Amino acid sequence: AVITTIGTTNYAESVKGRFTISRDVAREMVYLQMNNLKPEDT
């Protein structure tokens, strides 16, 4: 997953709809929320 400086996001086809990338500028943090995980995500 990618998040640009203007907030545009892109995802690998295999994780679309399941993963979400986000950025908290104030805390200088980046997150990857992963839902409906599969063994192939290991």
Full PDB file with SEQRES, HELIX, SHEET, SSBOND, CRYST1, ORIGX, SCALE, CONECT and MASTER records, all heavy atoms in Angstrom:
SEQRES   1 A   42  ALA VAL ILE THR THR ILE GLY THR THR ASN TYR ALA GLU          
SEQRES   2 A   42  SER VAL LYS GLY ARG PHE THR ILE SER ARG ASP VAL ALA          
SEQRES   3 A   42  ARG GLU MET VAL TYR LEU GLN MET ASN ASN LEU LYS PRO          
SEQRES   4 A   42  GLU ASP THR                                                  
HELIX    1 AA1 GLU A   13  VAL A   15  5                                   3    
HELIX    2 AA2 PRO A   39  ASP A   41  5                                   3    
SHEET    1 AA1 2 VAL A   2  ILE A   3  0                                        
SHEET    2 AA1 2 THR A   9  ASN A  10 -1                                        
SHEET    1 AA2 2 PHE A  19  ASP A  24  0                                        
SHEET    2 AA2 2 MET A  29  MET A  34 -1                                        
CRYST1    1.000    1.000    1.000  90.00  90.00  90.00 P 1           1          
ORIGX1      1.000000  0.000000  0.000000        0.00000                         
ORIGX2      0.000000  1.000000  0.000000        0.00000                         
ORIGX3      0.000000  0.000000  1.000000        0.00000                         
SCALE1      1.000000  0.000000  0.000000        0.00000                         
SCALE2      0.000000  1.000000  0.000000        0.00000                         
SCALE3      0.000000  0.000000  1.000000        0.00000                         
ATOM      1  N   ALA A   1       0.830  -1.192   0.000  1.00  0.00           N  
ATOM      2  CA  ALA A   1       0.000   0.000   0.000  1.00  0.00           C  
ATOM      3  C   ALA A   1       0.868   1.246   0.000  1.00  0.00           C  
ATOM      4  O   ALA A   1       1.977   1.240   0.531  1.00  0.00           O  
ATOM      5  CB  ALA A   1      -0.933   0.010   1.215  1.00  0.00           C  
ATOM      6  N   VAL A   2       0.346   2.317  -0.586  1.00  0.00           N  
ATOM      7  CA  VAL A   2       1.059   3.592  -0.681  1.00  0.00           C  
ATOM      8  C   VAL A   2       0.117   4.723  -0.321  1.00  0.00           C  
ATOM      9  O   VAL A   2      -1.068   4.689  -0.670  1.00  0.00           O  
ATOM     10  CB  VAL A   2       1.597   3.841  -2.105  1.00  0.00           C  
ATOM     11  CG1 VAL A   2       2.308   5.186  -2.181  1.00  0.00           C  
ATOM     12  CG2 VAL A   2       2.521   2.721  -2.533  1.00  0.00           C  
ATOM     13  N   ILE A   3       0.639   5.723   0.366  1.00  0.00           N  
ATOM     14  CA  ILE A   3      -0.103   6.952   0.585  1.00  0.00           C  
ATOM     15  C   ILE A   3       0.822   8.113   0.257  1.00  0.00           C  
ATOM     16  O   ILE A   3       1.929   8.211   0.778  1.00  0.00           O  
ATOM     17  CB  ILE A   3      -0.672   7.051   2.021  1.00  0.00           C  
ATOM     18  CG1 ILE A   3      -1.532   8.315   2.155  1.00  0.00           C  
ATOM     19  CG2 ILE A   3       0.429   7.003   3.068  1.00  0.00           C  
ATOM     20  CD1 ILE A   3      -2.419   8.315   3.401  1.00  0.00           C  
ATOM     21  N   THR A   4       0.372   8.995  -0.627  1.00  0.00           N  
ATOM     22  CA  THR A   4       1.195  10.100  -1.082  1.00  0.00           C  
ATOM     23  C   THR A   4       1.087  11.286  -0.137  1.00  0.00           C  
ATOM     24  O   THR A   4       0.325  11.278   0.832  1.00  0.00           O  
ATOM     25  CB  THR A   4       0.786  10.549  -2.488  1.00  0.00           C  
ATOM     26  OG1 THR A   4      -0.489  11.199  -2.438  1.00  0.00           O  
ATOM     27  CG2 THR A   4       0.715   9.360  -3.437  1.00  0.00           C  
ATOM     28  N   THR A   5       1.846  12.341  -0.461  1.00  0.00           N  
ATOM     29  CA  THR A   5       1.840  13.543   0.364  1.00  0.00           C  
ATOM     30  C   THR A   5       0.506  14.277   0.312  1.00  0.00           C  
ATOM     31  O   THR A   5       0.233  15.104   1.184  1.00  0.00           O  
ATOM     32  CB  THR A   5       2.957  14.499  -0.068  1.00  0.00           C  
ATOM     33  OG1 THR A   5       2.806  14.820  -1.454  1.00  0.00           O  
ATOM     34  CG2 THR A   5       4.320  13.862   0.165  1.00  0.00           C  
ATOM     35  N   ILE A   6      -0.307  13.999  -0.698  1.00  0.00           N  
ATOM     36  CA  ILE A   6      -1.618  14.634  -0.791  1.00  0.00           C  
ATOM     37  C   ILE A   6      -2.742  13.679  -0.426  1.00  0.00           C  
ATOM     38  O   ILE A   6      -3.915  13.983  -0.625  1.00  0.00           O  
ATOM     39  CB  ILE A   6      -1.865  15.236  -2.182  1.00  0.00           C  
ATOM     40  CG1 ILE A   6      -1.804  14.167  -3.273  1.00  0.00           C  
ATOM     41  CG2 ILE A   6      -0.858  16.349  -2.464  1.00  0.00           C  
ATOM     42  CD1 ILE A   6      -2.218  14.680  -4.635  1.00  0.00           C  
ATOM     43  N   GLY A   7      -2.392  12.512   0.090  1.00  0.00           N  
ATOM     44  CA  GLY A   7      -3.394  11.596   0.595  1.00  0.00           C  
ATOM     45  C   GLY A   7      -3.913  10.561  -0.377  1.00  0.00           C  
ATOM     46  O   GLY A   7      -4.815   9.792  -0.021  1.00  0.00           O  
ATOM     47  N   THR A   8      -3.378  10.523  -1.577  1.00  0.00           N  
ATOM     48  CA  THR A   8      -3.794   9.513  -2.535  1.00  0.00           C  
ATOM     49  C   THR A   8      -3.278   8.141  -2.102  1.00  0.00           C  
ATOM     50  O   THR A   8      -2.126   8.013  -1.698  1.00  0.00           O  
ATOM     51  CB  THR A   8      -3.266   9.831  -3.937  1.00  0.00           C  
ATOM     52  OG1 THR A   8      -3.751  11.111  -4.338  1.00  0.00           O  
ATOM     53  CG2 THR A   8      -3.723   8.784  -4.945  1.00  0.00           C  
ATOM     54  N   THR A   9      -4.116   7.134  -2.170  1.00  0.00           N  
ATOM     55  CA  THR A   9      -3.726   5.789  -1.760  1.00  0.00           C  
ATOM     56  C   THR A   9      -3.814   4.810  -2.915  1.00  0.00           C  
ATOM     57  O   THR A   9      -4.633   4.956  -3.824  1.00  0.00           O  
ATOM     58  CB  THR A   9      -4.609   5.283  -0.616  1.00  0.00           C  
ATOM     59  OG1 THR A   9      -5.980   5.287  -1.027  1.00  0.00           O  
ATOM     60  CG2 THR A   9      -4.455   6.161   0.619  1.00  0.00           C  
ATOM     61  N   ASN A  10      -2.952   3.805  -2.861  1.00  0.00           N  
ATOM     62  CA  ASN A  10      -2.953   2.722  -3.833  1.00  0.00           C  
ATOM     63  C   ASN A  10      -2.645   1.426  -3.111  1.00  0.00           C  
ATOM     64  O   ASN A  10      -1.897   1.415  -2.131  1.00  0.00           O  
ATOM     65  CB  ASN A  10      -1.925   2.965  -4.942  1.00  0.00           C  
ATOM     66  CG  ASN A  10      -2.305   4.103  -5.863  1.00  0.00           C  
ATOM     67  OD1 ASN A  10      -3.178   3.955  -6.709  1.00  0.00           O  
ATOM     68  ND2 ASN A  10      -1.658   5.249  -5.700  1.00  0.00           N  
ATOM     69  N   TYR A  11      -3.211   0.336  -3.611  1.00  0.00           N  
ATOM     70  CA  TYR A  11      -3.066  -0.954  -2.961  1.00  0.00           C  
ATOM     71  C   TYR A  11      -2.744  -2.051  -3.957  1.00  0.00           C  
ATOM     72  O   TYR A  11      -3.147  -1.999  -5.116  1.00  0.00           O  
ATOM     73  CB  TYR A  11      -4.357  -1.332  -2.232  1.00  0.00           C  
ATOM     74  CG  TYR A  11      -4.763  -0.355  -1.164  1.00  0.00           C  
ATOM     75  CD1 TYR A  11      -5.604   0.710  -1.452  1.00  0.00           C  
ATOM     76  CD2 TYR A  11      -4.308  -0.503   0.146  1.00  0.00           C  
ATOM     77  CE1 TYR A  11      -5.976   1.615  -0.469  1.00  0.00           C  
ATOM     78  CE2 TYR A  11      -4.670   0.397   1.129  1.00  0.00           C  
ATOM     79  CZ  TYR A  11      -5.509   1.454   0.818  1.00  0.00           C  
ATOM     80  OH  TYR A  11      -5.872   2.345   1.797  1.00  0.00           O  
ATOM     81  N   ALA A  12      -2.036  -3.052  -3.468  1.00  0.00           N  
ATOM     82  CA  ALA A  12      -1.851  -4.252  -4.254  1.00  0.00           C  
ATOM     83  C   ALA A  12      -3.207  -4.910  -4.465  1.00  0.00           C  
ATOM     84  O   ALA A  12      -4.081  -4.853  -3.595  1.00  0.00           O  
ATOM     85  CB  ALA A  12      -0.906  -5.218  -3.546  1.00  0.00           C  
ATOM     86  N   GLU A  13      -3.391  -5.525  -5.605  1.00  0.00           N  
ATOM     87  CA  GLU A  13      -4.670  -6.145  -5.933  1.00  0.00           C  
ATOM     88  C   GLU A  13      -5.091  -7.168  -4.877  1.00  0.00           C  
ATOM     89  O   GLU A  13      -6.273  -7.274  -4.547  1.00  0.00           O  
ATOM     90  CB  GLU A  13      -4.598  -6.813  -7.306  1.00  0.00           C  
ATOM     91  CG  GLU A  13      -5.929  -7.353  -7.808  1.00  0.00           C  
ATOM     92  CD  GLU A  13      -6.918  -6.248  -8.104  1.00  0.00           C  
ATOM     93  OE1 GLU A  13      -6.491  -5.132  -8.449  1.00  0.00           O  
ATOM     94  OE2 GLU A  13      -8.137  -6.505  -7.990  1.00  0.00           O  
ATOM     95  N   SER A  14      -4.137  -7.866  -4.318  1.00  0.00           N  
ATOM     96  CA  SER A  14      -4.435  -8.925  -3.362  1.00  0.00           C  
ATOM     97  C   SER A  14      -4.991  -8.427  -2.030  1.00  0.00           C  
ATOM     98  O   SER A  14      -5.572  -9.213  -1.277  1.00  0.00           O  
ATOM     99  CB  SER A  14      -3.182  -9.764  -3.101  1.00  0.00           C  
ATOM    100  OG  SER A  14      -2.147  -8.965  -2.559  1.00  0.00           O  
ATOM    101  N   VAL A  15      -4.827  -7.134  -1.737  1.00  0.00           N  
ATOM    102  CA  VAL A  15      -5.285  -6.612  -0.447  1.00  0.00           C  
ATOM    103  C   VAL A  15      -6.389  -5.576  -0.581  1.00  0.00           C  
ATOM    104  O   VAL A  15      -6.890  -5.080   0.435  1.00  0.00           O  
ATOM    105  CB  VAL A  15      -4.124  -6.011   0.369  1.00  0.00           C  
ATOM    106  CG1 VAL A  15      -2.988  -7.012   0.502  1.00  0.00           C  
ATOM    107  CG2 VAL A  15      -3.627  -4.711  -0.261  1.00  0.00           C  
ATOM    108  N   LYS A  16      -6.787  -5.255  -1.791  1.00  0.00           N  
ATOM    109  CA  LYS A  16      -7.834  -4.263  -2.001  1.00  0.00           C  
ATOM    110  C   LYS A  16      -9.125  -4.680  -1.298  1.00  0.00           C  
ATOM    111  O   LYS A  16      -9.553  -5.819  -1.393  1.00  0.00           O  
ATOM    112  CB  LYS A  16      -8.103  -4.064  -3.495  1.00  0.00           C  
ATOM    113  CG  LYS A  16      -7.036  -3.272  -4.212  1.00  0.00           C  
ATOM    114  CD  LYS A  16      -7.390  -3.067  -5.680  1.00  0.00           C  
ATOM    115  CE  LYS A  16      -6.329  -2.242  -6.386  1.00  0.00           C  
ATOM    116  NZ  LYS A  16      -6.638  -2.065  -7.828  1.00  0.00           N  
ATOM    117  N   GLY A  17      -9.715  -3.724  -0.605  1.00  0.00           N  
ATOM    118  CA  GLY A  17     -10.941  -3.991   0.124  1.00  0.00           C  
ATOM    119  C   GLY A  17     -10.724  -4.558   1.506  1.00  0.00           C  
ATOM    120  O   GLY A  17     -11.674  -4.641   2.296  1.00  0.00           O  
ATOM    121  N   ARG A  18      -9.493  -4.947   1.821  1.00  0.00           N  
ATOM    122  CA  ARG A  18      -9.193  -5.528   3.124  1.00  0.00           C  
ATOM    123  C   ARG A  18      -8.233  -4.673   3.951  1.00  0.00           C  
ATOM    124  O   ARG A  18      -8.345  -4.621   5.172  1.00  0.00           O  
ATOM    125  CB  ARG A  18      -8.602  -6.930   2.965  1.00  0.00           C  
ATOM    126  CG  ARG A  18      -9.524  -7.909   2.260  1.00  0.00           C  
ATOM    127  CD  ARG A  18      -8.968  -9.330   2.307  1.00  0.00           C  
ATOM    128  NE  ARG A  18      -7.688  -9.439   1.622  1.00  0.00           N  
ATOM    129  CZ  ARG A  18      -6.547  -9.815   2.203  1.00  0.00           C  
ATOM    130  NH1 ARG A  18      -6.542 -10.122   3.503  1.00  0.00           N  
ATOM    131  NH2 ARG A  18      -5.433  -9.901   1.503  1.00  0.00           N  
ATOM    132  N   PHE A  19      -7.282  -4.027   3.282  1.00  0.00           N  
ATOM    133  CA  PHE A  19      -6.271  -3.221   3.961  1.00  0.00           C  
ATOM    134  C   PHE A  19      -6.522  -1.738   3.717  1.00  0.00           C  
ATOM    135  O   PHE A  19      -6.986  -1.340   2.648  1.00  0.00           O  
ATOM    136  CB  PHE A  19      -4.868  -3.553   3.450  1.00  0.00           C  
ATOM    137  CG  PHE A  19      -4.348  -4.909   3.838  1.00  0.00           C  
ATOM    138  CD1 PHE A  19      -5.164  -5.869   4.409  1.00  0.00           C  
ATOM    139  CD2 PHE A  19      -3.012  -5.210   3.623  1.00  0.00           C  
ATOM    140  CE1 PHE A  19      -4.679  -7.116   4.758  1.00  0.00           C  
ATOM    141  CE2 PHE A  19      -2.506  -6.450   3.965  1.00  0.00           C  
ATOM    142  CZ  PHE A  19      -3.336  -7.405   4.535  1.00  0.00           C  
ATOM    143  N   THR A  20      -6.173  -0.922   4.703  1.00  0.00           N  
ATOM    144  CA  THR A  20      -6.287   0.522   4.579  1.00  0.00           C  
ATOM    145  C   THR A  20      -5.034   1.185   5.134  1.00  0.00           C  
ATOM    146  O   THR A  20      -4.671   0.955   6.288  1.00  0.00           O  
ATOM    147  CB  THR A  20      -7.514   1.065   5.324  1.00  0.00           C  
ATOM    148  OG1 THR A  20      -8.700   0.442   4.840  1.00  0.00           O  
ATOM    149  CG2 THR A  20      -7.631   2.573   5.122  1.00  0.00           C  
ATOM    150  N   ILE A  21      -4.391   2.006   4.318  1.00  0.00           N  
ATOM    151  CA  ILE A  21      -3.238   2.767   4.776  1.00  0.00           C  
ATOM    152  C   ILE A  21      -3.697   4.169   5.131  1.00  0.00           C  
ATOM    153  O   ILE A  21      -4.551   4.740   4.460  1.00  0.00           O  
ATOM    154  CB  ILE A  21      -2.122   2.806   3.707  1.00  0.00           C  
ATOM    155  CG1 ILE A  21      -0.859   3.479   4.270  1.00  0.00           C  
ATOM    156  CG2 ILE A  21      -2.587   3.501   2.436  1.00  0.00           C  
ATOM    157  CD1 ILE A  21       0.355   3.373   3.349  1.00  0.00           C  
ATOM    158  N   SER A  22      -3.147   4.717   6.197  1.00  0.00           N  
ATOM    159  CA  SER A  22      -3.513   6.055   6.619  1.00  0.00           C  
ATOM    160  C   SER A  22      -2.310   6.749   7.233  1.00  0.00           C  
ATOM    161  O   SER A  22      -1.340   6.111   7.617  1.00  0.00           O  
ATOM    162  CB  SER A  22      -4.682   6.026   7.612  1.00  0.00           C  
ATOM    163  OG  SER A  22      -4.341   5.304   8.790  1.00  0.00           O  
ATOM    164  N   ARG A  23      -2.406   8.073   7.318  1.00  0.00           N  
ATOM    165  CA  ARG A  23      -1.318   8.867   7.866  1.00  0.00           C  
ATOM    166  C   ARG A  23      -1.860   9.879   8.866  1.00  0.00           C  
ATOM    167  O   ARG A  23      -2.854  10.560   8.603  1.00  0.00           O  
ATOM    168  CB  ARG A  23      -0.588   9.597   6.731  1.00  0.00           C  
ATOM    169  CG  ARG A  23       0.589  10.447   7.176  1.00  0.00           C  
ATOM    170  CD  ARG A  23       0.999  11.510   6.149  1.00  0.00           C  
ATOM    171  NE  ARG A  23       1.270  10.996   4.825  1.00  0.00           N  
ATOM    172  CZ  ARG A  23       2.457  11.090   4.203  1.00  0.00           C  
ATOM    173  NH1 ARG A  23       3.497  11.648   4.807  1.00  0.00           N  
ATOM    174  NH2 ARG A  23       2.580  10.617   2.972  1.00  0.00           N  
ATOM    175  N   ASP A  24      -1.222   9.973  10.012  1.00  0.00           N  
ATOM    176  CA  ASP A  24      -1.552  10.959  11.020  1.00  0.00           C  
ATOM    177  C   ASP A  24      -0.398  11.951  11.050  1.00  0.00           C  
ATOM    178  O   ASP A  24       0.649  11.675  11.635  1.00  0.00           O  
ATOM    179  CB  ASP A  24      -1.755  10.306  12.386  1.00  0.00           C  
ATOM    180  CG  ASP A  24      -2.265  11.280  13.435  1.00  0.00           C  
ATOM    181  OD1 ASP A  24      -1.951  12.476  13.363  1.00  0.00           O  
ATOM    182  OD2 ASP A  24      -2.998  10.834  14.344  1.00  0.00           O  
ATOM    183  N   VAL A  25      -0.585  13.094  10.407  1.00  0.00           N  
ATOM    184  CA  VAL A  25       0.488  14.070  10.274  1.00  0.00           C  
ATOM    185  C   VAL A  25       0.909  14.632  11.624  1.00  0.00           C  
ATOM    186  O   VAL A  25       2.098  14.797  11.901  1.00  0.00           O  
ATOM    187  CB  VAL A  25       0.071  15.213   9.326  1.00  0.00           C  
ATOM    188  CG1 VAL A  25       1.144  16.295   9.279  1.00  0.00           C  
ATOM    189  CG2 VAL A  25      -0.191  14.669   7.934  1.00  0.00           C  
ATOM    190  N   ALA A  26      -0.065  14.931  12.480  1.00  0.00           N  
ATOM    191  CA  ALA A  26       0.227  15.516  13.777  1.00  0.00           C  
ATOM    192  C   ALA A  26       1.100  14.605  14.626  1.00  0.00           C  
ATOM    193  O   ALA A  26       1.971  15.075  15.360  1.00  0.00           O  
ATOM    194  CB  ALA A  26      -1.064  15.851  14.512  1.00  0.00           C  
ATOM    195  N   ARG A  27       0.861  13.312  14.551  1.00  0.00           N  
ATOM    196  CA  ARG A  27       1.625  12.347  15.338  1.00  0.00           C  
ATOM    197  C   ARG A  27       2.792  11.749  14.566  1.00  0.00           C  
ATOM    198  O   ARG A  27       3.552  10.951  15.124  1.00  0.00           O  
ATOM    199  CB  ARG A  27       0.707  11.233  15.841  1.00  0.00           C  
ATOM    200  CG  ARG A  27      -0.333  11.706  16.843  1.00  0.00           C  
ATOM    201  CD  ARG A  27      -1.237  10.573  17.271  1.00  0.00           C  
ATOM    202  NE  ARG A  27      -2.121  10.962  18.363  1.00  0.00           N  
ATOM    203  CZ  ARG A  27      -3.251  11.631  18.204  1.00  0.00           C  
ATOM    204  NH1 ARG A  27      -3.654  11.990  16.994  1.00  0.00           N  
ATOM    205  NH2 ARG A  27      -3.995  11.951  19.252  1.00  0.00           N  
ATOM    206  N   GLU A  28       2.934  12.116  13.303  1.00  0.00           N  
ATOM    207  CA  GLU A  28       3.976  11.579  12.423  1.00  0.00           C  
ATOM    208  C   GLU A  28       3.956  10.054  12.439  1.00  0.00           C  
ATOM    209  O   GLU A  28       4.979   9.390  12.655  1.00  0.00           O  
ATOM    210  CB  GLU A  28       5.345  12.129  12.812  1.00  0.00           C  
ATOM    211  CG  GLU A  28       5.444  13.640  12.645  1.00  0.00           C  
ATOM    212  CD  GLU A  28       6.845  14.189  12.846  1.00  0.00           C  
ATOM    213  OE1 GLU A  28       7.600  13.628  13.671  1.00  0.00           O  
ATOM    214  OE2 GLU A  28       7.192  15.173  12.177  1.00  0.00           O  
ATOM    215  N   MET A  29       2.779   9.518  12.193  1.00  0.00           N  
ATOM    216  CA  MET A  29       2.570   8.080  12.185  1.00  0.00           C  
ATOM    217  C   MET A  29       1.893   7.643  10.889  1.00  0.00           C  
ATOM    218  O   MET A  29       1.107   8.394  10.300  1.00  0.00           O  
ATOM    219  CB  MET A  29       1.700   7.650  13.361  1.00  0.00           C  
ATOM    220  CG  MET A  29       2.299   7.912  14.732  1.00  0.00           C  
ATOM    221  SD  MET A  29       3.631   6.744  15.121  1.00  0.00           S  
ATOM    222  CE  MET A  29       2.684   5.228  15.311  1.00  0.00           C  
ATOM    223  N   VAL A  30       2.193   6.440  10.463  1.00  0.00           N  
ATOM    224  CA  VAL A  30       1.531   5.799   9.343  1.00  0.00           C  
ATOM    225  C   VAL A  30       0.998   4.457   9.822  1.00  0.00           C  
ATOM    226  O   VAL A  30       1.676   3.754  10.577  1.00  0.00           O  
ATOM    227  CB  VAL A  30       2.485   5.601   8.152  1.00  0.00           C  
ATOM    228  CG1 VAL A  30       1.768   4.911   7.004  1.00  0.00           C  
ATOM    229  CG2 VAL A  30       3.040   6.940   7.694  1.00  0.00           C  
ATOM    230  N   TYR A  31      -0.195   4.119   9.389  1.00  0.00           N  
ATOM    231  CA  TYR A  31      -0.829   2.893   9.842  1.00  0.00           C  
ATOM    232  C   TYR A  31      -1.234   2.014   8.669  1.00  0.00           C  
ATOM    233  O   TYR A  31      -1.464   2.487   7.561  1.00  0.00           O  
ATOM    234  CB  TYR A  31      -2.080   3.198  10.675  1.00  0.00           C  
ATOM    235  CG  TYR A  31      -1.829   4.114  11.840  1.00  0.00           C  
ATOM    236  CD1 TYR A  31      -2.110   5.472  11.746  1.00  0.00           C  
ATOM    237  CD2 TYR A  31      -1.307   3.624  13.035  1.00  0.00           C  
ATOM    238  CE1 TYR A  31      -1.878   6.320  12.813  1.00  0.00           C  
ATOM    239  CE2 TYR A  31      -1.074   4.468  14.104  1.00  0.00           C  
ATOM    240  CZ  TYR A  31      -1.358   5.811  13.990  1.00  0.00           C  
ATOM    241  OH  TYR A  31      -1.127   6.643  15.053  1.00  0.00           O  
ATOM    242  N   LEU A  32      -1.334   0.741   8.938  1.00  0.00           N  
ATOM    243  CA  LEU A  32      -1.894  -0.195   7.978  1.00  0.00           C  
ATOM    244  C   LEU A  32      -2.916  -1.047   8.717  1.00  0.00           C  
ATOM    245  O   LEU A  32      -2.551  -1.917   9.507  1.00  0.00           O  
ATOM    246  CB  LEU A  32      -0.822  -1.085   7.355  1.00  0.00           C  
ATOM    247  CG  LEU A  32      -1.323  -2.035   6.265  1.00  0.00           C  
ATOM    248  CD1 LEU A  32      -1.771  -1.236   5.035  1.00  0.00           C  
ATOM    249  CD2 LEU A  32      -0.249  -3.040   5.872  1.00  0.00           C  
ATOM    250  N   GLN A  33      -4.183  -0.748   8.492  1.00  0.00           N  
ATOM    251  CA  GLN A  33      -5.254  -1.534   9.072  1.00  0.00           C  
ATOM    252  C   GLN A  33      -5.507  -2.733   8.173  1.00  0.00           C  
ATOM    253  O   GLN A  33      -5.805  -2.577   6.995  1.00  0.00           O  
ATOM    254  CB  GLN A  33      -6.530  -0.696   9.203  1.00  0.00           C  
ATOM    255  CG  GLN A  33      -7.718  -1.439   9.784  1.00  0.00           C  
ATOM    256  CD  GLN A  33      -7.505  -1.865  11.214  1.00  0.00           C  
ATOM    257  OE1 GLN A  33      -7.046  -1.079  12.040  1.00  0.00           O  
ATOM    258  NE2 GLN A  33      -7.826  -3.109  11.528  1.00  0.00           N  
ATOM    259  N   MET A  34      -5.389  -3.921   8.730  1.00  0.00           N  
ATOM    260  CA  MET A  34      -5.535  -5.147   7.970  1.00  0.00           C  
ATOM    261  C   MET A  34      -6.727  -5.930   8.509  1.00  0.00           C  
ATOM    262  O   MET A  34      -6.724  -6.361   9.660  1.00  0.00           O  
ATOM    263  CB  MET A  34      -4.265  -5.992   8.054  1.00  0.00           C  
ATOM    264  CG  MET A  34      -3.007  -5.249   7.622  1.00  0.00           C  
ATOM    265  SD  MET A  34      -1.534  -6.299   7.641  1.00  0.00           S  
ATOM    266  CE  MET A  34      -1.397  -6.612   9.409  1.00  0.00           C  
ATOM    267  N   ASN A  35      -7.733  -6.094   7.669  1.00  0.00           N  
ATOM    268  CA  ASN A  35      -8.934  -6.828   8.037  1.00  0.00           C  
ATOM    269  C   ASN A  35      -9.078  -8.078   7.178  1.00  0.00           C  
ATOM    270  O   ASN A  35      -8.504  -8.173   6.097  1.00  0.00           O  
ATOM    271  CB  ASN A  35     -10.172  -5.946   7.865  1.00  0.00           C  
ATOM    272  CG  ASN A  35     -10.162  -4.725   8.749  1.00  0.00           C  
ATOM    273  OD1 ASN A  35      -9.682  -4.766   9.884  1.00  0.00           O  
ATOM    274  ND2 ASN A  35     -10.714  -3.622   8.248  1.00  0.00           N  
ATOM    275  N   ASN A  36      -9.881  -9.005   7.672  1.00  0.00           N  
ATOM    276  CA  ASN A  36     -10.120 -10.259   6.955  1.00  0.00           C  
ATOM    277  C   ASN A  36      -8.809 -10.890   6.495  1.00  0.00           C  
ATOM    278  O   ASN A  36      -8.641 -11.247   5.324  1.00  0.00           O  
ATOM    279  CB  ASN A  36     -11.046 -10.011   5.763  1.00  0.00           C  
ATOM    280  CG  ASN A  36     -11.559 -11.293   5.134  1.00  0.00           C  
ATOM    281  OD1 ASN A  36     -11.628 -12.332   5.785  1.00  0.00           O  
ATOM    282  ND2 ASN A  36     -11.899 -11.227   3.853  1.00  0.00           N  
ATOM    283  N   LEU A  37      -7.906 -11.045   7.422  1.00  0.00           N  
ATOM    284  CA  LEU A  37      -6.583 -11.566   7.096  1.00  0.00           C  
ATOM    285  C   LEU A  37      -6.639 -13.007   6.621  1.00  0.00           C  
ATOM    286  O   LEU A  37      -7.463 -13.799   7.081  1.00  0.00           O  
ATOM    287  CB  LEU A  37      -5.664 -11.445   8.305  1.00  0.00           C  
ATOM    288  CG  LEU A  37      -5.148 -10.027   8.559  1.00  0.00           C  
ATOM    289  CD1 LEU A  37      -4.645  -9.878   9.984  1.00  0.00           C  
ATOM    290  CD2 LEU A  37      -4.041  -9.685   7.564  1.00  0.00           C  
ATOM    291  N   LYS A  38      -5.740 -13.320   5.710  1.00  0.00           N  
ATOM    292  CA  LYS A  38      -5.643 -14.642   5.121  1.00  0.00           C  
ATOM    293  C   LYS A  38      -4.245 -15.203   5.352  1.00  0.00           C  
ATOM    294  O   LYS A  38      -3.296 -14.442   5.528  1.00  0.00           O  
ATOM    295  CB  LYS A  38      -5.932 -14.575   3.619  1.00  0.00           C  
ATOM    296  CG  LYS A  38      -7.285 -13.968   3.271  1.00  0.00           C  
ATOM    297  CD  LYS A  38      -7.463 -13.833   1.769  1.00  0.00           C  
ATOM    298  CE  LYS A  38      -8.804 -13.227   1.432  1.00  0.00           C  
ATOM    299  NZ  LYS A  38      -9.004 -13.099  -0.031  1.00  0.00           N  
ATOM    300  N   PRO A  39      -4.094 -16.522   5.336  1.00  0.00           N  
ATOM    301  CA  PRO A  39      -2.763 -17.107   5.523  1.00  0.00           C  
ATOM    302  C   PRO A  39      -1.728 -16.570   4.547  1.00  0.00           C  
ATOM    303  O   PRO A  39      -0.556 -16.437   4.914  1.00  0.00           O  
ATOM    304  CB  PRO A  39      -3.007 -18.603   5.313  1.00  0.00           C  
ATOM    305  CG  PRO A  39      -4.415 -18.800   5.752  1.00  0.00           C  
ATOM    306  CD  PRO A  39      -5.138 -17.562   5.282  1.00  0.00           C  
ATOM    307  N   GLU A  40      -2.134 -16.248   3.332  1.00  0.00           N  
ATOM    308  CA  GLU A  40      -1.208 -15.720   2.346  1.00  0.00           C  
ATOM    309  C   GLU A  40      -0.725 -14.308   2.669  1.00  0.00           C  
ATOM    310  O   GLU A  40       0.169 -13.789   2.001  1.00  0.00           O  
ATOM    311  CB  GLU A  40      -1.815 -15.755   0.934  1.00  0.00           C  
ATOM    312  CG  GLU A  40      -3.205 -15.154   0.848  1.00  0.00           C  
ATOM    313  CD  GLU A  40      -4.298 -16.204   0.914  1.00  0.00           C  
ATOM    314  OE1 GLU A  40      -4.215 -17.096   1.779  1.00  0.00           O  
ATOM    315  OE2 GLU A  40      -5.235 -16.132   0.092  1.00  0.00           O  
ATOM    316  N   ASP A  41      -1.312 -13.678   3.687  1.00  0.00           N  
ATOM    317  CA  ASP A  41      -0.833 -12.377   4.145  1.00  0.00           C  
ATOM    318  C   ASP A  41       0.367 -12.514   5.075  1.00  0.00           C  
ATOM    319  O   ASP A  41       0.982 -11.505   5.432  1.00  0.00           O  
ATOM    320  CB  ASP A  41      -1.940 -11.614   4.870  1.00  0.00           C  
ATOM    321  CG  ASP A  41      -3.101 -11.248   3.965  1.00  0.00           C  
ATOM    322  OD1 ASP A  41      -2.853 -10.821   2.817  1.00  0.00           O  
ATOM    323  OD2 ASP A  41      -4.257 -11.369   4.410  1.00  0.00           O  
ATOM    324  N   THR A  42       0.682 -13.724   5.471  1.00  0.00           N  
ATOM    325  CA  THR A  42       1.813 -13.957   6.362  1.00  0.00           C  
ATOM    326  C   THR A  42       3.103 -13.477   5.710  1.00  0.00           C  
ATOM    327  O   THR A  42       3.450 -13.897   4.608  1.00  0.00           O  
ATOM    328  CB  THR A  42       1.930 -15.445   6.714  1.00  0.00           C  
ATOM    329  OG1 THR A  42       0.784 -15.847   7.465  1.00  0.00           O  
ATOM    330  CG2 THR A  42       3.183 -15.710   7.542  1.00  0.00           C  
TER     331      THR A  42                                                      
MASTER        0    0    0    2    4    0    0    6  330    1    0    4          
END                                                                             
